Amino acid sequence: MIKDLLKNNILLSAGAVISLLINIITMPIITRIYTPSEIGNFAALHVFTLALFPILGMRMEIIFAQKIKSLNLKNIFFTTLIITFFLSVLSWIILFFSAKYLEQNLLLNYLSLIVSLALFLTFFENCIGIYNHLKLYKSIAIITTLGIFFQKLLQIIFGMYFNDKTLAIFLSYCIPALLLSLIMLFIINREINFFKNINFDFNLLKRYKNHILYRTSYSLSNLFKDRLIIILIITFFSSENAGLYSQSLGLLLIPATIFSMPIKTIITREYNYNTKNTIDMIVFVYKILIYLILPIYVFFFYNSSVIFPIIFGENWNGLSKVFNILSIPMFILIFSSALDRLYDVLNKQKYAFLFEALFGFLCFGGFFFMSYYNYSFIDALKVNAIILFIFFTTFTVFILKKAGQFGNFSKIIKYFIMQLIFCGLIFSNLIDNFSFSIISIMILIIFGLYFLKRDTRNLLKI
C-alpha cells in the first residue's frame, strides 16, 4: 500500500515539478515585460478574486475529493454549481454599487474580470476535486501543468501586445481556467455519466453546513495574513513595493504547491482508511524537504542579492531583500500547508478557523500599525514575517498533537534544526565567495540524494 501512495505522490509531484520549471523559465521573461508597479496593481485587484473564490465555491472541492456515493456527488456538484452562479451575480451587483459609491473607478473597470476569474477558478477546483475522488492522479498532474503552461504563455503574449497590462494578466488566468474546466467536465461525464439523473438537492448540501461555515471563514481569514496586506502596501507605500511583495510570495509559494498539493490530495482520500502508510509517506516527503530543499533556501538567502538582478532584470533590484525576509516563514508554510487537510479529515475545522482568524488579525493589524506610524516597508514586513513564523509552527504542531502523530515527526524536527544550522554556517561563511557557494550547494544536494536513497530502501523494505 505504501508503494501505491508513493506512486500517486510521485505522479502528482511530477506535474508540480514541471510547473516549477515552467515558472523558472518564464519568470525572467515576464519580469522584463511587466514592471513591479504593474504586477502590484494586478495583485491588488486579484485580492478581490481570492476573496470571492471561497464564497462562491464554499470550499466544496474538498468534499468532492472524499468518498461519497456517485449519485450524491453528482447532485452536490450540480447544487453547488447553481448556487455558485447565483452568488457570482450577487457579488458582481454588490461590488458594482460599492465601487460606485466609493468612486473606485479602477475596481469598476475590472469588476467583470474579477468576478469571472473567481467563478472560473471555482469551477476548475471543483472539477479537480472530482478527479481526486475518481483517483485520476495522472490526469490531475497533466491538467494542472497545462494550466500553468498556458497561463504563463498567454501572460507573455498578451503582455507583449496589450498596453493594458492588468487586462493582459487577468485574461491569461481566465482563459485557461475556463477551457480546462470544460475539458475536465467532459472527461468526468465520460467516466461516470455525470449528467444522468442529476438533480438540485439543497438538503443534501446542508449536510456539509459546518464544513462550509468553517472552511469558508478559514479561507477568508487566511487572506489577512498575506494577500490583503497588498492593499495596505499600496495605500501606505507604493504599487512597486506591492509588486515586489507579490512576486516574492509567488516565488516562495511554488515549493509549497509542489510538496503540499500531492500530500493534501492523498490525506483527503486515504488518511481515515490508511493512516499509518499515509503518515509514513508524509514523513518521507518531509525528509526530501530537509535534505534537498532547505539547503537551496539557505543558499538563496545568502546569495539572492547576486542572483536575482541577473535573472529578473534591473527593475526588480529590491526583490532579494523582500524575498529573504519572507523565506523563513514561507519554508515552514510548506510543512504547515501539507497538513492543512488533517483539520478537515479529523473534523477540526473550527480550530483551523480560530488559528487563521487570530493570526490573520495579528498579521494585518501589525502591518497596519507599523505602516500607520510611519515605520518603513521593510520593518513592517519583518514584523509580519515573525507573526507568520509563529502561526505556521503553532498550526502544524497543534494538528499533529490532535491527530496523535507528533511523536512520528519528532525526528523530522531535529533533522530540520540540525540541517538549518549546518547550512547556515556554511553559506554565511561563503557569503563573499559565490563560486564556493555553488560548489557547496551541489555537494549538499548529492549527500541529500544519498540519504534519500537510503531512506527509500528502508521505507519500501528493499
Protein backbone atom coordinates (compact mmCIF):
# COMPACT_ATOMS: atom_id res chain seq x y z
CA MET A 1 0.00 0.00 0.00
CA ILE A 2 2.85 2.42 0.80
CA LYS A 3 4.18 1.79 -2.72
CA ASP A 4 0.82 2.86 -4.18
CA LEU A 5 0.76 6.01 -2.07
CA LEU A 6 4.31 6.91 -3.08
CA LYS A 7 3.47 6.23 -6.71
CA ASN A 8 0.45 8.56 -6.50
CA ASN A 9 2.52 11.19 -4.72
CA ILE A 10 5.24 10.95 -7.39
CA LEU A 11 2.63 11.34 -10.14
CA LEU A 12 1.19 14.47 -8.54
CA SER A 13 4.63 15.86 -7.67
CA ALA A 14 5.90 15.28 -11.21
CA GLY A 15 3.29 17.67 -12.56
CA ALA A 16 4.15 20.19 -9.85
CA VAL A 17 7.89 19.94 -10.64
CA ILE A 18 7.20 20.55 -14.34
CA SER A 19 5.09 23.55 -13.29
CA LEU A 20 8.06 24.79 -11.26
CA LEU A 21 10.31 24.52 -14.31
CA ILE A 22 7.76 26.45 -16.38
CA ASN A 23 7.73 29.18 -13.73
CA ILE A 24 11.53 29.32 -13.61
CA ILE A 25 11.84 29.53 -17.41
CA THR A 26 9.10 32.13 -17.92
CA MET A 27 9.70 34.37 -14.90
CA PRO A 28 12.77 36.19 -16.35
CA ILE A 29 10.71 36.94 -19.48
CA ILE A 30 7.66 38.11 -17.52
CA THR A 31 9.71 40.41 -15.25
CA ARG A 32 11.13 42.11 -18.34
CA ILE A 33 7.65 42.68 -19.80
CA TYR A 34 5.92 43.79 -16.57
CA THR A 35 7.24 46.30 -14.04
CA PRO A 36 6.81 45.83 -10.26
CA SER A 37 4.12 48.54 -10.29
CA GLU A 38 2.09 46.72 -12.97
CA ILE A 39 2.33 43.44 -11.06
CA GLY A 40 1.38 45.30 -7.87
CA ASN A 41 -1.75 46.85 -9.47
CA PHE A 42 -2.93 43.44 -10.66
CA ALA A 43 -2.16 41.86 -7.26
CA ALA A 44 -4.35 44.45 -5.52
CA LEU A 45 -7.32 43.66 -7.79
CA HIS A 46 -6.62 39.94 -7.59
CA VAL A 47 -7.26 40.12 -3.84
CA PHE A 48 -10.98 40.54 -4.63
CA THR A 49 -10.91 37.39 -6.76
CA LEU A 50 -9.21 35.46 -3.96
CA ALA A 51 -11.83 36.71 -1.50
CA LEU A 52 -14.70 35.68 -3.80
CA PHE A 53 -13.29 32.22 -4.53
CA PRO A 54 -14.17 30.56 -1.16
CA ILE A 55 -17.52 32.38 -1.04
CA LEU A 56 -18.63 31.23 -4.50
CA GLY A 57 -17.42 27.64 -4.17
CA MET A 58 -17.96 27.20 -0.40
CA ARG A 59 -14.74 25.12 -0.47
CA MET A 60 -16.77 22.12 -1.65
CA GLU A 61 -13.86 20.85 -3.76
CA ILE A 62 -12.53 19.34 -0.53
CA ILE A 63 -15.79 17.40 -0.06
CA PHE A 64 -15.83 16.24 -3.68
CA ALA A 65 -12.46 14.55 -3.14
CA GLN A 66 -13.78 12.40 -0.29
CA LYS A 67 -15.57 9.05 -0.50
CA ILE A 68 -19.17 9.86 -1.48
CA LYS A 69 -21.76 7.85 -3.40
CA SER A 70 -21.71 8.75 -7.10
CA LEU A 71 -25.32 9.96 -7.17
CA ASN A 72 -24.79 12.17 -4.13
CA LEU A 73 -21.56 13.50 -5.64
CA LYS A 74 -23.33 14.48 -8.84
CA ASN A 75 -26.21 16.16 -7.03
CA ILE A 76 -23.92 18.07 -4.66
CA PHE A 77 -21.80 19.25 -7.59
CA PHE A 78 -24.86 20.41 -9.54
CA THR A 79 -26.36 22.12 -6.50
CA THR A 80 -23.06 23.84 -5.76
CA LEU A 81 -22.75 24.93 -9.39
CA ILE A 82 -26.20 26.60 -9.40
CA ILE A 83 -25.53 28.37 -6.09
CA THR A 84 -22.09 29.46 -7.34
CA PHE A 85 -23.62 31.16 -10.41
CA PHE A 86 -26.22 32.89 -8.23
CA LEU A 87 -23.57 34.10 -5.77
CA SER A 88 -21.34 35.34 -8.58
CA VAL A 89 -24.14 37.54 -9.95
CA LEU A 90 -24.97 38.78 -6.45
CA SER A 91 -21.29 39.51 -5.78
CA TRP A 92 -20.99 41.50 -9.00
CA ILE A 93 -24.02 43.63 -8.06
CA ILE A 94 -22.76 44.30 -4.52
CA LEU A 95 -19.25 45.18 -5.69
CA PHE A 96 -20.58 47.35 -8.52
CA PHE A 97 -22.69 49.57 -6.26
CA SER A 98 -19.97 49.62 -3.58
CA ALA A 99 -17.35 50.74 -6.11
CA LYS A 100 -19.77 53.35 -7.50
CA TYR A 101 -20.47 54.71 -4.03
CA LEU A 102 -16.77 54.81 -3.09
CA GLU A 103 -15.81 56.14 -6.57
CA GLN A 104 -13.32 53.31 -7.14
CA ASN A 105 -13.03 53.54 -10.92
CA LEU A 106 -10.17 51.03 -11.14
CA LEU A 107 -12.33 48.37 -9.47
CA LEU A 108 -15.25 49.20 -11.77
CA ASN A 109 -13.08 48.84 -14.87
CA TYR A 110 -12.03 45.28 -13.99
CA LEU A 111 -15.06 44.14 -11.97
CA SER A 112 -16.37 41.68 -14.57
CA LEU A 113 -12.93 40.10 -14.91
CA ILE A 114 -12.53 39.86 -11.12
CA VAL A 115 -15.84 38.01 -10.71
CA SER A 116 -15.33 35.89 -13.83
CA LEU A 117 -11.92 34.71 -12.69
CA ALA A 118 -13.30 33.76 -9.26
CA LEU A 119 -16.11 31.83 -10.99
CA PHE A 120 -13.75 30.01 -13.39
CA LEU A 121 -11.29 29.13 -10.59
CA THR A 122 -14.15 27.72 -8.50
CA PHE A 123 -15.30 25.61 -11.44
CA PHE A 124 -11.71 24.45 -12.07
CA GLU A 125 -11.05 23.45 -8.43
CA ASN A 126 -14.40 21.63 -8.17
CA CYS A 127 -13.51 19.56 -11.22
CA ILE A 128 -10.09 18.81 -9.72
CA GLY A 129 -11.90 17.65 -6.57
CA ILE A 130 -13.93 15.15 -8.60
CA TYR A 131 -10.78 13.96 -10.38
CA ASN A 132 -9.33 13.34 -6.93
CA HIS A 133 -12.47 11.42 -5.97
CA LEU A 134 -12.02 9.24 -9.05
CA LYS A 135 -8.29 8.81 -8.26
CA LEU A 136 -7.30 10.25 -11.64
CA TYR A 137 -3.97 11.41 -10.22
CA LYS A 138 -2.12 11.32 -13.53
CA SER A 139 -4.82 13.45 -15.12
CA ILE A 140 -4.64 15.92 -12.22
CA ALA A 141 -0.90 16.29 -12.79
CA ILE A 142 -1.40 16.84 -16.54
CA ILE A 143 -4.26 19.32 -16.15
CA THR A 144 -2.56 21.45 -13.50
CA THR A 145 0.67 21.52 -15.53
CA LEU A 146 -1.20 22.58 -18.66
CA GLY A 147 -2.95 25.27 -16.63
CA ILE A 148 0.37 26.78 -15.54
CA PHE A 149 1.88 26.46 -19.02
CA PHE A 150 -0.97 28.21 -20.86
CA GLN A 151 -1.33 30.89 -18.16
CA LYS A 152 2.34 31.85 -18.41
CA LEU A 153 2.34 31.61 -22.21
CA LEU A 154 -0.70 33.88 -22.53
CA GLN A 155 0.68 36.28 -19.94
CA ILE A 156 3.81 36.70 -22.05
CA ILE A 157 1.93 37.02 -25.38
CA PHE A 158 -0.74 39.41 -24.07
CA GLY A 159 1.88 41.43 -22.19
CA MET A 160 3.83 41.98 -25.41
CA TYR A 161 0.81 43.23 -27.39
CA PHE A 162 -1.55 44.78 -24.80
CA ASN A 163 -0.96 48.27 -23.44
CA ASP A 164 -3.25 47.44 -20.53
CA LYS A 165 -1.04 45.03 -18.56
CA THR A 166 -3.70 44.38 -15.89
CA LEU A 167 -6.13 43.21 -18.57
CA ALA A 168 -3.38 41.04 -20.06
CA ILE A 169 -2.77 39.22 -16.76
CA PHE A 170 -6.47 38.76 -15.99
CA LEU A 171 -7.12 37.21 -19.41
CA SER A 172 -4.10 34.92 -19.05
CA TYR A 173 -5.71 33.45 -15.92
CA CYS A 174 -9.34 33.40 -17.09
CA ILE A 175 -8.95 31.65 -20.45
CA PRO A 176 -7.01 28.53 -19.31
CA ALA A 177 -9.17 28.12 -16.18
CA LEU A 178 -12.39 28.12 -18.22
CA LEU A 179 -11.19 25.92 -21.10
CA LEU A 180 -9.53 23.30 -18.87
CA SER A 181 -12.62 23.18 -16.64
CA LEU A 182 -14.82 22.39 -19.63
CA ILE A 183 -12.39 19.71 -20.80
CA MET A 184 -12.34 18.13 -17.32
CA LEU A 185 -16.14 18.16 -17.11
CA PHE A 186 -16.35 16.41 -20.49
CA ILE A 187 -13.95 13.69 -19.26
CA ILE A 188 -15.83 13.34 -15.94
CA ASN A 189 -19.07 12.86 -17.83
CA ARG A 190 -17.44 10.16 -19.95
CA GLU A 191 -16.10 8.39 -16.82
CA ILE A 192 -19.26 8.30 -14.68
CA ASN A 193 -22.09 9.51 -16.95
CA PHE A 194 -22.13 12.65 -14.86
CA PHE A 195 -25.23 14.39 -16.23
CA LYS A 196 -27.55 11.39 -15.96
CA ASN A 197 -30.18 11.62 -13.16
CA ILE A 198 -28.66 14.82 -11.80
CA ASN A 199 -30.81 16.99 -9.52
CA PHE A 200 -30.69 20.14 -7.43
CA ASP A 201 -30.73 18.98 -3.79
CA PHE A 202 -30.23 21.74 -1.24
CA ASN A 203 -30.95 19.40 1.68
CA LEU A 204 -28.03 17.21 0.63
CA LEU A 205 -25.75 20.25 0.60
CA LYS A 206 -26.95 21.24 4.10
CA ARG A 207 -25.27 18.11 5.49
CA TYR A 208 -21.98 19.91 4.97
CA LYS A 209 -23.03 23.20 6.58
CA ASN A 210 -20.31 23.00 9.25
CA HIS A 211 -17.66 22.40 6.62
CA ILE A 212 -18.96 25.31 4.53
CA LEU A 213 -19.10 27.64 7.53
CA TYR A 214 -15.67 26.89 8.94
CA ARG A 215 -13.78 26.31 5.67
CA THR A 216 -15.15 29.44 4.01
CA SER A 217 -14.43 31.51 7.12
CA TYR A 218 -11.00 29.91 7.37
CA SER A 219 -10.15 30.75 3.76
CA LEU A 220 -11.30 34.35 4.13
CA SER A 221 -9.33 34.74 7.37
CA ASN A 222 -6.30 33.34 5.55
CA LEU A 223 -6.28 36.38 3.26
CA PHE A 224 -5.50 38.69 6.18
CA LYS A 225 -2.09 37.02 6.64
CA ASP A 226 -0.74 37.93 3.22
CA ARG A 227 -2.95 38.94 0.30
CA LEU A 228 -4.91 41.75 1.97
CA ILE A 229 -1.60 43.20 3.10
CA ILE A 230 -1.06 44.11 -0.57
CA ILE A 231 -3.85 46.70 -0.16
CA LEU A 232 -2.01 48.18 2.83
CA ILE A 233 1.27 48.26 0.91
CA ILE A 234 -0.29 50.19 -1.98
CA THR A 235 -2.11 52.53 0.43
CA PHE A 236 0.84 53.37 2.70
CA PHE A 237 3.85 52.72 0.46
CA SER A 238 3.69 52.13 -3.32
CA SER A 239 2.48 49.79 -6.04
CA GLU A 240 6.15 48.99 -6.73
CA ASN A 241 6.57 47.60 -3.20
CA ALA A 242 3.29 45.72 -3.67
CA GLY A 243 4.74 44.18 -6.84
CA LEU A 244 7.94 43.12 -5.05
CA TYR A 245 5.89 41.60 -2.23
CA SER A 246 3.52 39.81 -4.61
CA GLN A 247 6.36 38.43 -6.73
CA SER A 248 8.24 37.19 -3.65
CA LEU A 249 5.10 35.41 -2.44
CA GLY A 250 4.67 33.87 -5.88
CA LEU A 251 8.23 32.54 -5.88
CA LEU A 252 8.04 31.17 -2.33
CA LEU A 253 4.64 29.55 -2.82
CA ILE A 254 5.96 27.37 -5.68
CA PRO A 255 7.68 24.80 -3.38
CA ALA A 256 4.61 24.83 -1.10
CA THR A 257 2.44 23.93 -4.09
CA ILE A 258 4.81 21.22 -5.30
CA PHE A 259 5.05 19.39 -1.99
CA SER A 260 1.79 20.20 -0.21
CA MET A 261 -0.70 19.69 -3.05
CA PRO A 262 0.05 15.95 -3.51
CA ILE A 263 0.02 15.36 0.27
CA LYS A 264 -3.28 17.25 0.64
CA THR A 265 -4.80 15.15 -2.12
CA ILE A 266 -3.73 11.86 -0.55
CA ILE A 267 -4.62 12.87 3.03
CA THR A 268 -8.13 13.79 1.89
CA ARG A 269 -8.58 10.45 0.15
CA GLU A 270 -6.59 7.99 2.26
CA TYR A 271 -5.90 9.17 5.83
CA ASN A 272 -9.02 7.80 7.53
CA TYR A 273 -8.63 4.40 5.85
CA ASN A 274 -4.86 4.03 5.67
CA THR A 275 -3.40 6.18 8.45
CA LYS A 276 -0.02 4.54 9.04
CA ASN A 277 1.09 4.41 5.42
CA THR A 278 -0.15 7.96 4.83
CA ILE A 279 1.92 9.24 7.78
CA ASP A 280 4.97 7.26 6.58
CA MET A 281 4.64 8.89 3.17
CA ILE A 282 4.35 12.40 4.68
CA VAL A 283 7.46 11.83 6.84
CA PHE A 284 9.35 10.70 3.73
CA VAL A 285 8.30 13.81 1.79
CA TYR A 286 9.38 15.99 4.72
CA LYS A 287 12.81 14.34 4.57
CA ILE A 288 13.02 15.39 0.91
CA LEU A 289 12.32 18.96 2.01
CA ILE A 290 15.05 18.88 4.67
CA TYR A 291 17.71 17.04 2.65
CA LEU A 292 17.26 18.86 -0.67
CA ILE A 293 15.07 21.97 -0.43
CA LEU A 294 16.22 23.53 2.84
CA PRO A 295 19.86 23.86 1.64
CA ILE A 296 18.59 25.63 -1.50
CA TYR A 297 16.56 28.06 0.61
CA VAL A 298 19.60 28.88 2.76
CA PHE A 299 21.74 29.24 -0.38
CA PHE A 300 19.31 31.79 -1.86
CA PHE A 301 19.01 33.59 1.48
CA TYR A 302 22.72 34.46 1.34
CA ASN A 303 23.08 34.83 -2.45
CA SER A 304 19.78 36.24 -3.78
CA SER A 305 21.22 39.77 -3.99
CA VAL A 306 23.69 38.45 -6.59
CA ILE A 307 21.34 36.09 -8.45
CA PHE A 308 18.04 38.00 -8.68
CA PRO A 309 19.19 41.12 -10.60
CA ILE A 310 20.68 38.82 -13.25
CA ILE A 311 17.54 36.68 -13.54
CA PHE A 312 14.78 39.27 -13.19
CA GLY A 313 16.35 42.44 -14.55
CA GLU A 314 17.23 45.83 -13.09
CA ASN A 315 13.61 46.83 -12.40
CA TRP A 316 13.47 44.14 -9.71
CA ASN A 317 16.58 45.06 -7.71
CA GLY A 318 14.62 45.28 -4.46
CA LEU A 319 13.24 41.75 -4.78
CA SER A 320 16.03 39.95 -2.91
CA LYS A 321 15.52 41.81 0.39
CA VAL A 322 11.76 41.11 0.41
CA PHE A 323 12.35 37.50 -0.64
CA ASN A 324 14.85 36.90 2.19
CA ILE A 325 12.52 38.26 4.88
CA LEU A 326 9.59 36.12 3.71
CA SER A 327 11.64 32.97 3.00
CA ILE A 328 11.90 31.97 6.68
CA PRO A 329 8.16 31.68 7.46
CA MET A 330 7.31 30.52 3.94
CA PHE A 331 9.54 27.47 4.26
CA ILE A 332 7.61 26.48 7.39
CA LEU A 333 4.46 27.01 5.32
CA ILE A 334 5.43 24.03 3.14
CA PHE A 335 5.10 21.76 6.19
CA SER A 336 2.06 23.58 7.55
CA SER A 337 0.14 23.72 4.27
CA ALA A 338 0.58 19.99 3.64
CA LEU A 339 -1.05 19.13 6.98
CA ASP A 340 -3.86 21.61 6.46
CA ARG A 341 -6.18 18.81 5.28
CA LEU A 342 -5.88 16.99 8.62
CA TYR A 343 -8.13 19.64 10.09
CA ASP A 344 -10.79 18.53 7.57
CA VAL A 345 -10.48 14.75 7.83
CA LEU A 346 -10.43 14.97 11.66
CA ASN A 347 -13.37 17.43 11.68
CA LYS A 348 -11.29 20.07 13.46
CA GLN A 349 -12.09 22.89 11.02
CA LYS A 350 -13.19 25.21 13.83
CA TYR A 351 -9.66 25.16 15.24
CA ALA A 352 -8.23 25.95 11.82
CA PHE A 353 -10.61 28.89 11.57
CA LEU A 354 -9.70 30.17 15.04
CA PHE A 355 -5.99 29.99 14.22
CA GLU A 356 -6.49 31.79 10.92
CA ALA A 357 -8.73 34.46 12.46
CA LEU A 358 -6.37 35.17 15.36
CA PHE A 359 -3.13 35.26 13.38
CA GLY A 360 -4.80 36.93 10.40
CA PHE A 361 -5.84 39.75 12.72
CA LEU A 362 -2.32 39.93 14.20
CA CYS A 363 -0.65 39.99 10.75
CA PHE A 364 -2.99 42.56 9.23
CA GLY A 365 -3.21 44.63 12.41
CA GLY A 366 0.54 44.54 12.97
CA PHE A 367 1.29 45.62 9.41
CA PHE A 368 -1.34 48.37 9.61
CA PHE A 369 0.09 49.65 12.91
CA MET A 370 3.66 49.72 11.57
CA SER A 371 2.56 51.42 8.34
CA TYR A 372 0.29 53.97 10.03
CA TYR A 373 3.03 55.06 12.42
CA ASN A 374 5.49 55.62 9.56
CA TYR A 375 7.75 52.60 10.01
CA SER A 376 9.50 51.53 6.82
CA PHE A 377 8.10 48.91 4.48
CA ILE A 378 10.94 46.51 5.37
CA ASP A 379 10.39 46.93 9.14
CA ALA A 380 6.66 46.25 8.75
CA LEU A 381 7.48 43.19 6.64
CA LYS A 382 9.85 41.83 9.30
CA VAL A 383 7.13 42.01 11.97
CA ASN A 384 4.75 40.27 9.58
CA ALA A 385 7.32 37.50 8.95
CA ILE A 386 7.77 36.88 12.69
CA ILE A 387 4.00 36.54 13.21
CA LEU A 388 3.73 34.19 10.20
CA PHE A 389 6.56 32.02 11.54
CA ILE A 390 4.80 31.66 14.90
CA PHE A 391 1.48 30.92 13.20
CA PHE A 392 2.72 28.24 10.78
CA THR A 393 4.67 26.49 13.55
CA THR A 394 1.75 26.54 16.02
CA PHE A 395 -0.73 25.48 13.34
CA THR A 396 1.40 22.44 12.44
CA VAL A 397 2.26 21.29 15.97
CA PHE A 398 -1.36 21.64 17.14
CA ILE A 399 -2.90 19.37 14.48
CA LEU A 400 -0.15 16.76 14.86
CA LYS A 401 -0.89 16.59 18.58
CA LYS A 402 -4.65 16.42 17.95
CA ALA A 403 -4.06 13.57 15.49
CA GLY A 404 -1.78 11.79 17.99
CA GLN A 405 1.03 11.82 15.41
CA PHE A 406 3.50 14.31 16.91
CA GLY A 407 5.88 11.54 18.01
CA ASN A 408 6.24 10.34 14.41
CA PHE A 409 7.55 13.78 13.43
CA SER A 410 9.92 14.44 16.36
CA LYS A 411 12.97 13.24 14.41
CA ILE A 412 11.95 15.44 11.48
CA ILE A 413 12.10 18.49 13.76
CA LYS A 414 15.62 17.51 14.94
CA TYR A 415 16.79 16.94 11.34
CA PHE A 416 15.38 20.33 10.35
CA ILE A 417 17.18 22.23 13.14
CA MET A 418 20.49 20.44 12.51
CA GLN A 419 20.34 20.98 8.73
CA LEU A 420 19.38 24.64 9.15
CA ILE A 421 22.32 25.34 11.48
CA PHE A 422 24.75 23.37 9.32
CA CYS A 423 23.76 25.08 6.05
CA GLY A 424 23.62 28.47 7.75
CA LEU A 425 27.19 28.13 8.98
CA ILE A 426 28.43 27.07 5.53
CA PHE A 427 26.79 29.79 3.44
CA SER A 428 27.26 32.61 5.96
CA ASN A 429 31.00 31.97 5.81
CA LEU A 430 30.91 31.83 1.99
CA ILE A 431 28.78 34.95 1.52
CA ASP A 432 31.58 36.76 -0.36
CA ASN A 433 32.55 33.73 -2.44
CA PHE A 434 29.78 32.85 -4.88
CA SER A 435 31.76 30.14 -6.68
CA PHE A 436 32.39 28.17 -3.50
CA SER A 437 28.72 28.62 -2.55
CA ILE A 438 27.71 26.96 -5.83
CA ILE A 439 30.10 24.06 -5.21
CA SER A 440 28.81 23.69 -1.64
CA ILE A 441 25.14 23.55 -2.64
CA MET A 442 25.92 20.89 -5.25
CA ILE A 443 27.76 18.77 -2.66
CA LEU A 444 24.90 19.16 -0.15
CA ILE A 445 22.37 18.05 -2.77
CA ILE A 446 24.48 14.98 -3.66
CA PHE A 447 24.64 13.97 0.02
CA GLY A 448 20.91 14.65 0.32
CA LEU A 449 20.17 12.31 -2.58
CA TYR A 450 22.32 9.62 -0.95
CA PHE A 451 20.38 9.88 2.33
CA LEU A 452 17.07 9.80 0.44
CA LYS A 453 18.10 6.66 -1.42
CA ARG A 454 18.89 5.00 1.91
CA ASP A 455 15.58 6.09 3.46
CA THR A 456 13.64 4.95 0.38
CA ARG A 457 15.10 1.46 0.70
CA ASN A 458 14.19 1.38 4.39
CA LEU A 459 10.66 2.61 3.70
CA LEU A 460 10.00 0.06 0.96
CA LYS A 461 12.00 -2.61 2.83
CA ILE A 462 14.12 -3.32 -0.23
